[in-house]
């Protein structure tokens, strides 16, 4: 498979490293550090399968966060407020308005997950802080809500930066 990058000859790099042949390593722009994979017999590091971080984020972390958010909102009786906010998200550049209510989506496509990541922090925050038709949160709940908002902020910020 052609990747556009020159093939790395790890056996040669390993030999140069073991012989302390720094000039050879420098010529090939190899860092002067020992690769832990060199000690595994019959393994060529470029042949390893690499995980796609964005794919893992979309299918793993964001999916888990969606389940956690729904459970958190239900526990604090804020799911209806969240559905209300979700169904009224306005269109804007680079964002497709959800066609279904949040709880009605049974399988999320990649594009829907990307849209979710763009708006979840705002929708979640509004649902927790919304006053209409909601009992006022207790002091303890306010602290919990703030921690949850910071958690969602951190996870979506990491996803959007990657």
N, C-alpha and C. Protein backbone atom coordinates (compact mmCIF):
# COMPACT_ATOMS: atom_id res chain seq x y z
N UNK A 1 0.85 -1.18 0.00
CA UNK A 1 0.00 0.00 0.00
C UNK A 1 0.89 1.24 0.00
N UNK A 2 0.67 2.13 -0.94
CA UNK A 2 1.46 3.34 -1.08
C UNK A 2 0.89 4.44 -0.18
N UNK A 3 1.72 4.96 0.73
CA UNK A 3 1.27 5.99 1.66
C UNK A 3 1.84 7.36 1.33
N UNK A 4 2.83 7.40 0.44
CA UNK A 4 3.46 8.66 0.15
C UNK A 4 4.66 8.93 1.04
N UNK A 5 4.90 8.09 2.01
CA UNK A 5 6.04 8.23 2.90
C UNK A 5 7.04 7.12 2.58
N UNK A 6 8.34 7.40 2.75
CA UNK A 6 9.31 6.34 2.51
C UNK A 6 9.16 5.22 3.55
N UNK A 7 9.47 4.01 3.12
CA UNK A 7 9.37 2.86 4.02
C UNK A 7 10.44 2.97 5.10
N UNK A 8 10.04 2.77 6.34
CA UNK A 8 10.98 2.80 7.47
C UNK A 8 11.60 1.42 7.63
N UNK A 9 12.90 1.37 7.69
CA UNK A 9 13.62 0.11 7.86
C UNK A 9 14.01 -0.02 9.33
N UNK A 10 13.07 -0.46 10.13
CA UNK A 10 13.29 -0.51 11.57
C UNK A 10 14.41 -1.44 11.98
N UNK A 11 14.65 -2.51 11.22
CA UNK A 11 15.76 -3.41 11.56
C UNK A 11 17.09 -2.66 11.45
N UNK A 12 17.22 -1.82 10.41
CA UNK A 12 18.44 -1.02 10.26
C UNK A 12 18.55 0.02 11.37
N UNK A 13 17.43 0.65 11.71
CA UNK A 13 17.44 1.66 12.78
C UNK A 13 17.83 1.02 14.10
N UNK A 14 17.28 -0.15 14.35
CA UNK A 14 17.58 -0.85 15.61
C UNK A 14 19.06 -1.18 15.68
N UNK A 15 19.62 -1.70 14.58
CA UNK A 15 21.05 -2.03 14.55
C UNK A 15 21.90 -0.78 14.77
N UNK A 16 21.54 0.32 14.12
CA UNK A 16 22.29 1.58 14.30
C UNK A 16 22.19 2.06 15.74
N UNK A 17 21.03 1.93 16.32
CA UNK A 17 20.86 2.35 17.71
C UNK A 17 21.71 1.49 18.65
N UNK A 18 21.66 0.17 18.45
CA UNK A 18 22.40 -0.75 19.32
C UNK A 18 23.90 -0.54 19.19
N UNK A 19 24.35 -0.14 18.02
CA UNK A 19 25.79 0.10 17.81
C UNK A 19 26.17 1.52 18.13
N UNK A 20 25.23 2.32 18.61
CA UNK A 20 25.46 3.74 18.92
C UNK A 20 25.96 4.49 17.70
N UNK A 21 25.45 4.15 16.53
CA UNK A 21 25.82 4.80 15.28
C UNK A 21 24.90 6.01 15.08
N UNK A 22 25.18 7.08 15.81
CA UNK A 22 24.31 8.25 15.80
C UNK A 22 24.31 8.95 14.44
N UNK A 23 25.42 8.91 13.72
CA UNK A 23 25.45 9.58 12.42
C UNK A 23 24.47 8.91 11.45
N UNK A 24 24.39 7.59 11.49
CA UNK A 24 23.44 6.87 10.63
C UNK A 24 22.00 7.21 11.02
N UNK A 25 21.75 7.28 12.31
CA UNK A 25 20.40 7.65 12.77
C UNK A 25 20.05 9.07 12.34
N UNK A 26 21.01 9.98 12.45
CA UNK A 26 20.77 11.38 12.07
C UNK A 26 20.49 11.51 10.57
N UNK A 27 21.20 10.73 9.75
CA UNK A 27 20.98 10.77 8.30
C UNK A 27 19.54 10.39 7.97
N UNK A 28 19.00 9.42 8.69
CA UNK A 28 17.63 8.97 8.45
C UNK A 28 16.60 9.70 9.30
N UNK A 29 17.03 10.72 10.02
CA UNK A 29 16.16 11.52 10.90
C UNK A 29 15.41 10.65 11.91
N UNK A 30 16.11 9.71 12.50
CA UNK A 30 15.55 8.84 13.53
C UNK A 30 15.98 9.40 14.88
N UNK A 31 15.03 9.54 15.78
CA UNK A 31 15.36 10.06 17.12
C UNK A 31 16.20 9.05 17.87
N UNK A 32 17.05 9.56 18.71
CA UNK A 32 17.96 8.72 19.49
C UNK A 32 17.24 8.18 20.73
N UNK A 33 16.21 7.41 20.49
CA UNK A 33 15.49 6.76 21.59
C UNK A 33 15.22 5.31 21.18
N UNK A 34 15.19 4.46 22.16
CA UNK A 34 14.95 3.04 21.90
C UNK A 34 13.45 2.83 21.69
N UNK A 35 13.11 2.14 20.61
CA UNK A 35 11.72 1.81 20.32
C UNK A 35 11.37 0.52 21.05
N UNK A 36 10.39 0.57 21.93
CA UNK A 36 10.01 -0.60 22.72
C UNK A 36 9.56 -1.76 21.85
N UNK A 37 9.08 -1.49 20.65
CA UNK A 37 8.59 -2.55 19.77
C UNK A 37 9.73 -3.36 19.15
N UNK A 38 10.97 -2.85 19.19
CA UNK A 38 12.10 -3.58 18.62
C UNK A 38 12.37 -4.88 19.37
N UNK A 39 11.93 -4.96 20.61
CA UNK A 39 12.21 -6.17 21.40
C UNK A 39 11.18 -7.28 21.15
N UNK A 40 10.13 -7.00 20.40
CA UNK A 40 9.12 -8.02 20.12
C UNK A 40 9.56 -8.80 18.87
N UNK A 41 9.76 -10.12 19.01
CA UNK A 41 10.24 -10.91 17.87
C UNK A 41 9.26 -10.90 16.70
N UNK A 42 9.80 -10.88 15.51
CA UNK A 42 9.03 -10.97 14.26
C UNK A 42 7.99 -9.86 14.10
N UNK A 43 8.26 -8.71 14.65
CA UNK A 43 7.31 -7.60 14.54
C UNK A 43 7.96 -6.46 13.78
N UNK A 44 7.25 -5.96 12.79
CA UNK A 44 7.67 -4.79 12.04
C UNK A 44 6.72 -3.66 12.43
N UNK A 45 7.17 -2.65 13.17
CA UNK A 45 6.25 -1.63 13.67
C UNK A 45 5.32 -1.00 12.63
N UNK A 46 5.76 -0.74 11.39
CA UNK A 46 4.80 -0.16 10.43
C UNK A 46 3.64 -1.08 10.08
N UNK A 47 3.78 -2.38 10.34
CA UNK A 47 2.70 -3.32 10.02
C UNK A 47 1.59 -3.34 11.07
N UNK A 48 1.80 -2.65 12.18
CA UNK A 48 0.78 -2.63 13.23
C UNK A 48 -0.44 -1.86 12.77
N UNK A 49 -1.59 -2.28 13.23
CA UNK A 49 -2.83 -1.56 12.94
C UNK A 49 -2.91 -0.39 13.91
N UNK A 50 -3.13 0.79 13.36
CA UNK A 50 -3.23 1.99 14.19
C UNK A 50 -4.70 2.39 14.31
N UNK A 51 -5.08 2.71 15.50
CA UNK A 51 -6.46 3.16 15.73
C UNK A 51 -6.62 4.59 15.23
N UNK A 52 -7.75 4.88 14.66
CA UNK A 52 -8.08 6.22 14.21
C UNK A 52 -8.70 6.96 15.38
N UNK A 53 -8.02 7.99 15.90
CA UNK A 53 -8.48 8.65 17.12
C UNK A 53 -9.86 9.29 16.93
N UNK A 54 -10.11 9.88 15.77
CA UNK A 54 -11.41 10.51 15.57
C UNK A 54 -12.52 9.47 15.53
N UNK A 55 -12.25 8.35 14.89
CA UNK A 55 -13.23 7.26 14.84
C UNK A 55 -13.50 6.75 16.25
N UNK A 56 -12.44 6.55 17.02
CA UNK A 56 -12.61 6.07 18.39
C UNK A 56 -13.35 7.10 19.24
N UNK A 57 -13.06 8.38 19.03
CA UNK A 57 -13.76 9.42 19.79
C UNK A 57 -15.24 9.41 19.45
N UNK A 58 -15.56 9.34 18.17
CA UNK A 58 -16.96 9.37 17.78
C UNK A 58 -17.73 8.17 18.30
N UNK A 59 -17.16 6.99 18.08
CA UNK A 59 -17.89 5.78 18.43
C UNK A 59 -17.75 5.38 19.89
N UNK A 60 -16.70 5.80 20.52
CA UNK A 60 -16.46 5.39 21.90
C UNK A 60 -16.83 6.45 22.91
N UNK A 61 -15.99 7.44 23.01
CA UNK A 61 -16.14 8.45 24.07
C UNK A 61 -17.42 9.26 23.91
N UNK A 62 -17.69 9.75 22.70
CA UNK A 62 -18.90 10.55 22.52
C UNK A 62 -20.15 9.72 22.74
N UNK A 63 -20.13 8.48 22.30
CA UNK A 63 -21.28 7.60 22.50
C UNK A 63 -21.51 7.36 24.00
N UNK A 64 -20.43 7.12 24.72
CA UNK A 64 -20.53 6.94 26.17
C UNK A 64 -21.04 8.23 26.83
N UNK A 65 -20.53 9.37 26.36
CA UNK A 65 -20.97 10.65 26.93
C UNK A 65 -22.46 10.87 26.68
N UNK A 66 -22.95 10.46 25.51
CA UNK A 66 -24.38 10.61 25.22
C UNK A 66 -25.22 9.83 26.22
N UNK A 67 -24.82 8.60 26.49
CA UNK A 67 -25.55 7.78 27.47
C UNK A 67 -25.48 8.39 28.85
N UNK A 68 -24.30 8.88 29.22
CA UNK A 68 -24.11 9.48 30.54
C UNK A 68 -24.96 10.75 30.68
N UNK A 69 -24.97 11.57 29.65
CA UNK A 69 -25.75 12.82 29.68
C UNK A 69 -27.23 12.50 29.84
N UNK A 70 -27.72 11.54 29.08
CA UNK A 70 -29.14 11.19 29.18
C UNK A 70 -29.48 10.69 30.58
N UNK A 71 -28.65 9.83 31.14
CA UNK A 71 -28.88 9.35 32.51
C UNK A 71 -28.84 10.48 33.53
N UNK A 72 -27.88 11.39 33.36
CA UNK A 72 -27.75 12.53 34.28
C UNK A 72 -28.99 13.42 34.21
N UNK A 73 -29.44 13.71 32.99
CA UNK A 73 -30.62 14.56 32.82
C UNK A 73 -31.87 13.90 33.38
N UNK A 74 -32.01 12.60 33.17
CA UNK A 74 -33.17 11.90 33.71
C UNK A 74 -33.13 11.87 35.23
N UNK A 75 -31.96 11.66 35.80
CA UNK A 75 -31.81 11.63 37.26
C UNK A 75 -32.22 12.96 37.89
N UNK A 76 -31.95 14.06 37.18
CA UNK A 76 -32.26 15.39 37.71
C UNK A 76 -33.53 15.98 37.10
N UNK A 77 -34.33 15.14 36.44
CA UNK A 77 -35.61 15.55 35.87
C UNK A 77 -35.45 16.75 34.93
N UNK A 78 -34.43 16.68 34.06
CA UNK A 78 -34.17 17.75 33.10
C UNK A 78 -34.23 17.26 31.65
N UNK A 79 -34.64 16.02 31.44
CA UNK A 79 -34.65 15.46 30.08
C UNK A 79 -35.62 16.19 29.18
N UNK A 80 -36.79 16.55 29.69
CA UNK A 80 -37.77 17.28 28.87
C UNK A 80 -37.23 18.65 28.47
N UNK A 81 -36.53 19.31 29.38
CA UNK A 81 -35.92 20.61 29.06
C UNK A 81 -34.87 20.43 27.97
N UNK A 82 -34.10 19.36 28.05
CA UNK A 82 -33.08 19.09 27.04
C UNK A 82 -33.72 18.82 25.68
N UNK A 83 -34.76 17.99 25.67
CA UNK A 83 -35.47 17.72 24.41
C UNK A 83 -36.03 19.00 23.80
N UNK A 84 -36.54 19.88 24.66
CA UNK A 84 -37.08 21.16 24.20
C UNK A 84 -35.98 21.98 23.52
N UNK A 85 -34.83 22.08 24.15
CA UNK A 85 -33.71 22.83 23.58
C UNK A 85 -33.23 22.16 22.30
N UNK A 86 -33.07 20.84 22.33
CA UNK A 86 -32.57 20.08 21.17
C UNK A 86 -33.45 20.28 19.95
N UNK A 87 -34.75 20.29 20.15
CA UNK A 87 -35.67 20.39 19.01
C UNK A 87 -35.73 21.81 18.44
N UNK A 88 -35.17 22.77 19.13
CA UNK A 88 -35.23 24.16 18.67
C UNK A 88 -33.86 24.73 18.29
N UNK A 89 -32.89 23.85 18.03
CA UNK A 89 -31.57 24.33 17.61
C UNK A 89 -31.68 24.98 16.24
N UNK A 90 -31.16 26.19 16.09
CA UNK A 90 -31.26 26.88 14.80
C UNK A 90 -30.17 26.41 13.83
N UNK A 91 -30.44 26.53 12.53
CA UNK A 91 -29.41 26.17 11.56
C UNK A 91 -28.31 27.23 11.52
N UNK A 92 -27.10 26.80 11.25
CA UNK A 92 -26.00 27.73 11.00
C UNK A 92 -24.96 27.01 10.16
N UNK A 93 -24.02 27.74 9.66
CA UNK A 93 -23.02 27.20 8.74
C UNK A 93 -22.25 26.04 9.38
N UNK A 94 -22.19 24.93 8.67
CA UNK A 94 -21.47 23.76 9.16
C UNK A 94 -22.26 22.90 10.14
N UNK A 95 -23.53 23.22 10.33
CA UNK A 95 -24.36 22.47 11.27
C UNK A 95 -25.68 22.13 10.61
N UNK A 96 -26.06 20.88 10.70
CA UNK A 96 -27.35 20.44 10.17
C UNK A 96 -28.31 20.26 11.35
N UNK A 97 -29.44 20.89 11.26
CA UNK A 97 -30.44 20.81 12.33
C UNK A 97 -30.90 19.36 12.46
N UNK A 98 -30.95 18.84 13.70
CA UNK A 98 -31.40 17.45 13.89
C UNK A 98 -32.82 17.25 13.36
N UNK A 99 -33.02 16.14 12.66
CA UNK A 99 -34.33 15.84 12.09
C UNK A 99 -35.26 15.21 13.13
N UNK A 100 -34.68 14.58 14.14
CA UNK A 100 -35.47 13.89 15.16
C UNK A 100 -35.14 14.44 16.54
N UNK A 101 -36.07 14.21 17.46
CA UNK A 101 -35.80 14.54 18.86
C UNK A 101 -34.64 13.69 19.36
N UNK A 102 -33.91 14.18 20.31
CA UNK A 102 -32.72 13.50 20.81
C UNK A 102 -33.01 12.05 21.20
N UNK A 103 -34.07 11.85 21.98
CA UNK A 103 -34.39 10.49 22.46
C UNK A 103 -34.94 9.58 21.37
N UNK A 104 -35.31 10.14 20.23
CA UNK A 104 -35.87 9.34 19.14
C UNK A 104 -34.80 8.75 18.22
N UNK A 105 -33.58 9.27 18.28
CA UNK A 105 -32.51 8.76 17.42
C UNK A 105 -32.03 7.44 17.99
N UNK A 106 -32.16 6.37 17.20
CA UNK A 106 -31.74 5.04 17.67
C UNK A 106 -30.35 4.69 17.19
N UNK A 107 -29.95 5.23 16.05
CA UNK A 107 -28.60 4.98 15.54
C UNK A 107 -28.07 6.28 14.97
N UNK A 108 -26.90 6.67 15.43
CA UNK A 108 -26.30 7.94 15.05
C UNK A 108 -25.30 7.71 13.92
N UNK A 109 -25.43 8.51 12.86
CA UNK A 109 -24.45 8.47 11.77
C UNK A 109 -23.25 9.32 12.18
N UNK A 110 -22.17 9.23 11.42
CA UNK A 110 -20.99 10.03 11.71
C UNK A 110 -21.28 11.52 11.66
N UNK A 111 -22.07 11.94 10.67
CA UNK A 111 -22.41 13.36 10.55
C UNK A 111 -23.26 13.83 11.74
N UNK A 112 -24.19 12.98 12.17
CA UNK A 112 -25.01 13.34 13.33
C UNK A 112 -24.15 13.44 14.60
N UNK A 113 -23.16 12.56 14.72
CA UNK A 113 -22.27 12.62 15.88
C UNK A 113 -21.43 13.90 15.85
N UNK A 114 -20.98 14.30 14.67
CA UNK A 114 -20.22 15.54 14.56
C UNK A 114 -21.08 16.73 14.94
N UNK A 115 -22.34 16.72 14.49
CA UNK A 115 -23.26 17.80 14.86
C UNK A 115 -23.50 17.80 16.36
N UNK A 116 -23.67 16.60 16.93
CA UNK A 116 -23.86 16.45 18.37
C UNK A 116 -22.72 17.11 19.13
N UNK A 117 -21.49 16.83 18.71
CA UNK A 117 -20.32 17.37 19.41
C UNK A 117 -20.28 18.90 19.35
N UNK A 118 -20.80 19.47 18.27
CA UNK A 118 -20.77 20.93 18.11
C UNK A 118 -21.75 21.64 19.03
N UNK A 119 -22.87 20.98 19.38
CA UNK A 119 -23.93 21.69 20.10
C UNK A 119 -24.24 21.14 21.49
N UNK A 120 -23.67 20.01 21.84
CA UNK A 120 -24.09 19.37 23.09
C UNK A 120 -23.81 20.23 24.31
N UNK A 121 -22.68 20.89 24.35
CA UNK A 121 -22.36 21.70 25.53
C UNK A 121 -23.41 22.79 25.75
N UNK A 122 -23.77 23.50 24.69
CA UNK A 122 -24.77 24.55 24.82
C UNK A 122 -26.13 24.01 25.20
N UNK A 123 -26.56 22.95 24.53
CA UNK A 123 -27.88 22.37 24.82
C UNK A 123 -27.93 21.81 26.24
N UNK A 124 -26.87 21.15 26.65
CA UNK A 124 -26.79 20.57 28.00
C UNK A 124 -26.82 21.67 29.07
N UNK A 125 -26.05 22.71 28.85
CA UNK A 125 -25.99 23.83 29.81
C UNK A 125 -27.34 24.51 29.93
N UNK A 126 -27.98 24.77 28.80
CA UNK A 126 -29.29 25.43 28.84
C UNK A 126 -30.31 24.54 29.55
N UNK A 127 -30.28 23.25 29.28
CA UNK A 127 -31.23 22.33 29.93
C UNK A 127 -31.05 22.33 31.44
N UNK A 128 -29.81 22.43 31.91
CA UNK A 128 -29.58 22.42 33.36
C UNK A 128 -29.90 23.76 34.01
N UNK A 129 -29.74 24.83 33.27
CA UNK A 129 -29.93 26.16 33.85
C UNK A 129 -31.28 26.77 33.51
N UNK A 130 -32.08 26.10 32.73
CA UNK A 130 -33.38 26.61 32.29
C UNK A 130 -34.32 26.75 33.48
N UNK A 131 -35.01 27.86 33.57
CA UNK A 131 -35.89 28.13 34.70
C UNK A 131 -37.34 27.73 34.43
N UNK A 132 -37.80 27.87 33.18
CA UNK A 132 -39.21 27.65 32.85
C UNK A 132 -39.61 26.20 33.10
N UNK A 133 -40.71 26.01 33.81
CA UNK A 133 -41.28 24.69 34.09
C UNK A 133 -40.33 23.74 34.83
N UNK A 134 -39.37 24.27 35.52
CA UNK A 134 -38.41 23.45 36.25
C UNK A 134 -38.34 23.93 37.70
N UNK A 135 -38.23 23.01 38.63
CA UNK A 135 -38.00 23.45 40.00
C UNK A 135 -36.60 24.04 40.12
N UNK A 136 -36.45 25.00 41.00
CA UNK A 136 -35.12 25.58 41.21
C UNK A 136 -34.19 24.52 41.78
N UNK A 137 -32.96 24.42 41.23
CA UNK A 137 -32.03 23.43 41.75
C UNK A 137 -31.55 23.80 43.15
N UNK A 138 -31.29 22.78 43.93
CA UNK A 138 -30.74 23.02 45.27
C UNK A 138 -29.27 23.42 45.12
N UNK A 139 -28.68 23.89 46.21
CA UNK A 139 -27.27 24.27 46.18
C UNK A 139 -26.38 23.11 45.80
N UNK A 140 -26.72 21.93 46.29
CA UNK A 140 -25.96 20.73 45.97
C UNK A 140 -26.08 20.39 44.48
N UNK A 141 -27.30 20.54 43.94
CA UNK A 141 -27.51 20.28 42.52
C UNK A 141 -26.74 21.27 41.66
N UNK A 142 -26.70 22.51 42.06
CA UNK A 142 -25.98 23.53 41.29
C UNK A 142 -24.50 23.13 41.18
N UNK A 143 -23.92 22.65 42.27
CA UNK A 143 -22.53 22.21 42.24
C UNK A 143 -22.37 21.01 41.30
N UNK A 144 -23.31 20.06 41.37
CA UNK A 144 -23.27 18.90 40.49
C UNK A 144 -23.42 19.31 39.03
N UNK A 145 -24.34 20.25 38.76
CA UNK A 145 -24.56 20.72 37.40
C UNK A 145 -23.28 21.37 36.86
N UNK A 146 -22.63 22.19 37.68
CA UNK A 146 -21.41 22.86 37.24
C UNK A 146 -20.30 21.85 36.93
N UNK A 147 -20.17 20.81 37.75
CA UNK A 147 -19.17 19.76 37.48
C UNK A 147 -19.49 19.04 36.18
N UNK A 148 -20.76 18.73 35.97
CA UNK A 148 -21.17 18.03 34.75
C UNK A 148 -20.91 18.88 33.52
N UNK A 149 -21.19 20.17 33.62
CA UNK A 149 -20.95 21.08 32.49
C UNK A 149 -19.46 21.14 32.19
N UNK A 150 -18.61 21.22 33.22
CA UNK A 150 -17.15 21.23 33.00
C UNK A 150 -16.69 19.93 32.35
N UNK A 151 -17.27 18.82 32.75
CA UNK A 151 -16.92 17.52 32.18
C UNK A 151 -17.27 17.48 30.69
N UNK A 152 -18.48 17.87 30.34
CA UNK A 152 -18.91 17.88 28.94
C UNK A 152 -18.05 18.87 28.15
N UNK A 153 -17.75 20.01 28.75
CA UNK A 153 -16.88 21.00 28.09
C UNK A 153 -15.52 20.39 27.76
N UNK A 154 -14.92 19.71 28.73
CA UNK A 154 -13.59 19.14 28.52
C UNK A 154 -13.60 18.07 27.43
N UNK A 155 -14.60 17.21 27.46
CA UNK A 155 -14.66 16.13 26.47
C UNK A 155 -14.93 16.66 25.06
N UNK A 156 -15.83 17.60 24.93
CA UNK A 156 -16.12 18.13 23.59
C UNK A 156 -14.96 19.00 23.10
N UNK A 157 -14.32 19.71 24.00
CA UNK A 157 -13.17 20.53 23.62
C UNK A 157 -12.05 19.64 23.08
N UNK A 158 -11.78 18.52 23.76
CA UNK A 158 -10.76 17.59 23.27
C UNK A 158 -11.15 17.04 21.91
N UNK A 159 -12.39 16.63 21.76
CA UNK A 159 -12.83 16.09 20.47
C UNK A 159 -12.68 17.14 19.37
N UNK A 160 -13.14 18.35 19.61
CA UNK A 160 -13.11 19.38 18.57
C UNK A 160 -11.67 19.78 18.23
N UNK A 161 -10.75 19.70 19.18
CA UNK A 161 -9.35 20.02 18.89
C UNK A 161 -8.67 18.91 18.11
N UNK A 162 -9.07 17.65 18.36
CA UNK A 162 -8.44 16.55 17.62
C UNK A 162 -8.98 16.49 16.22
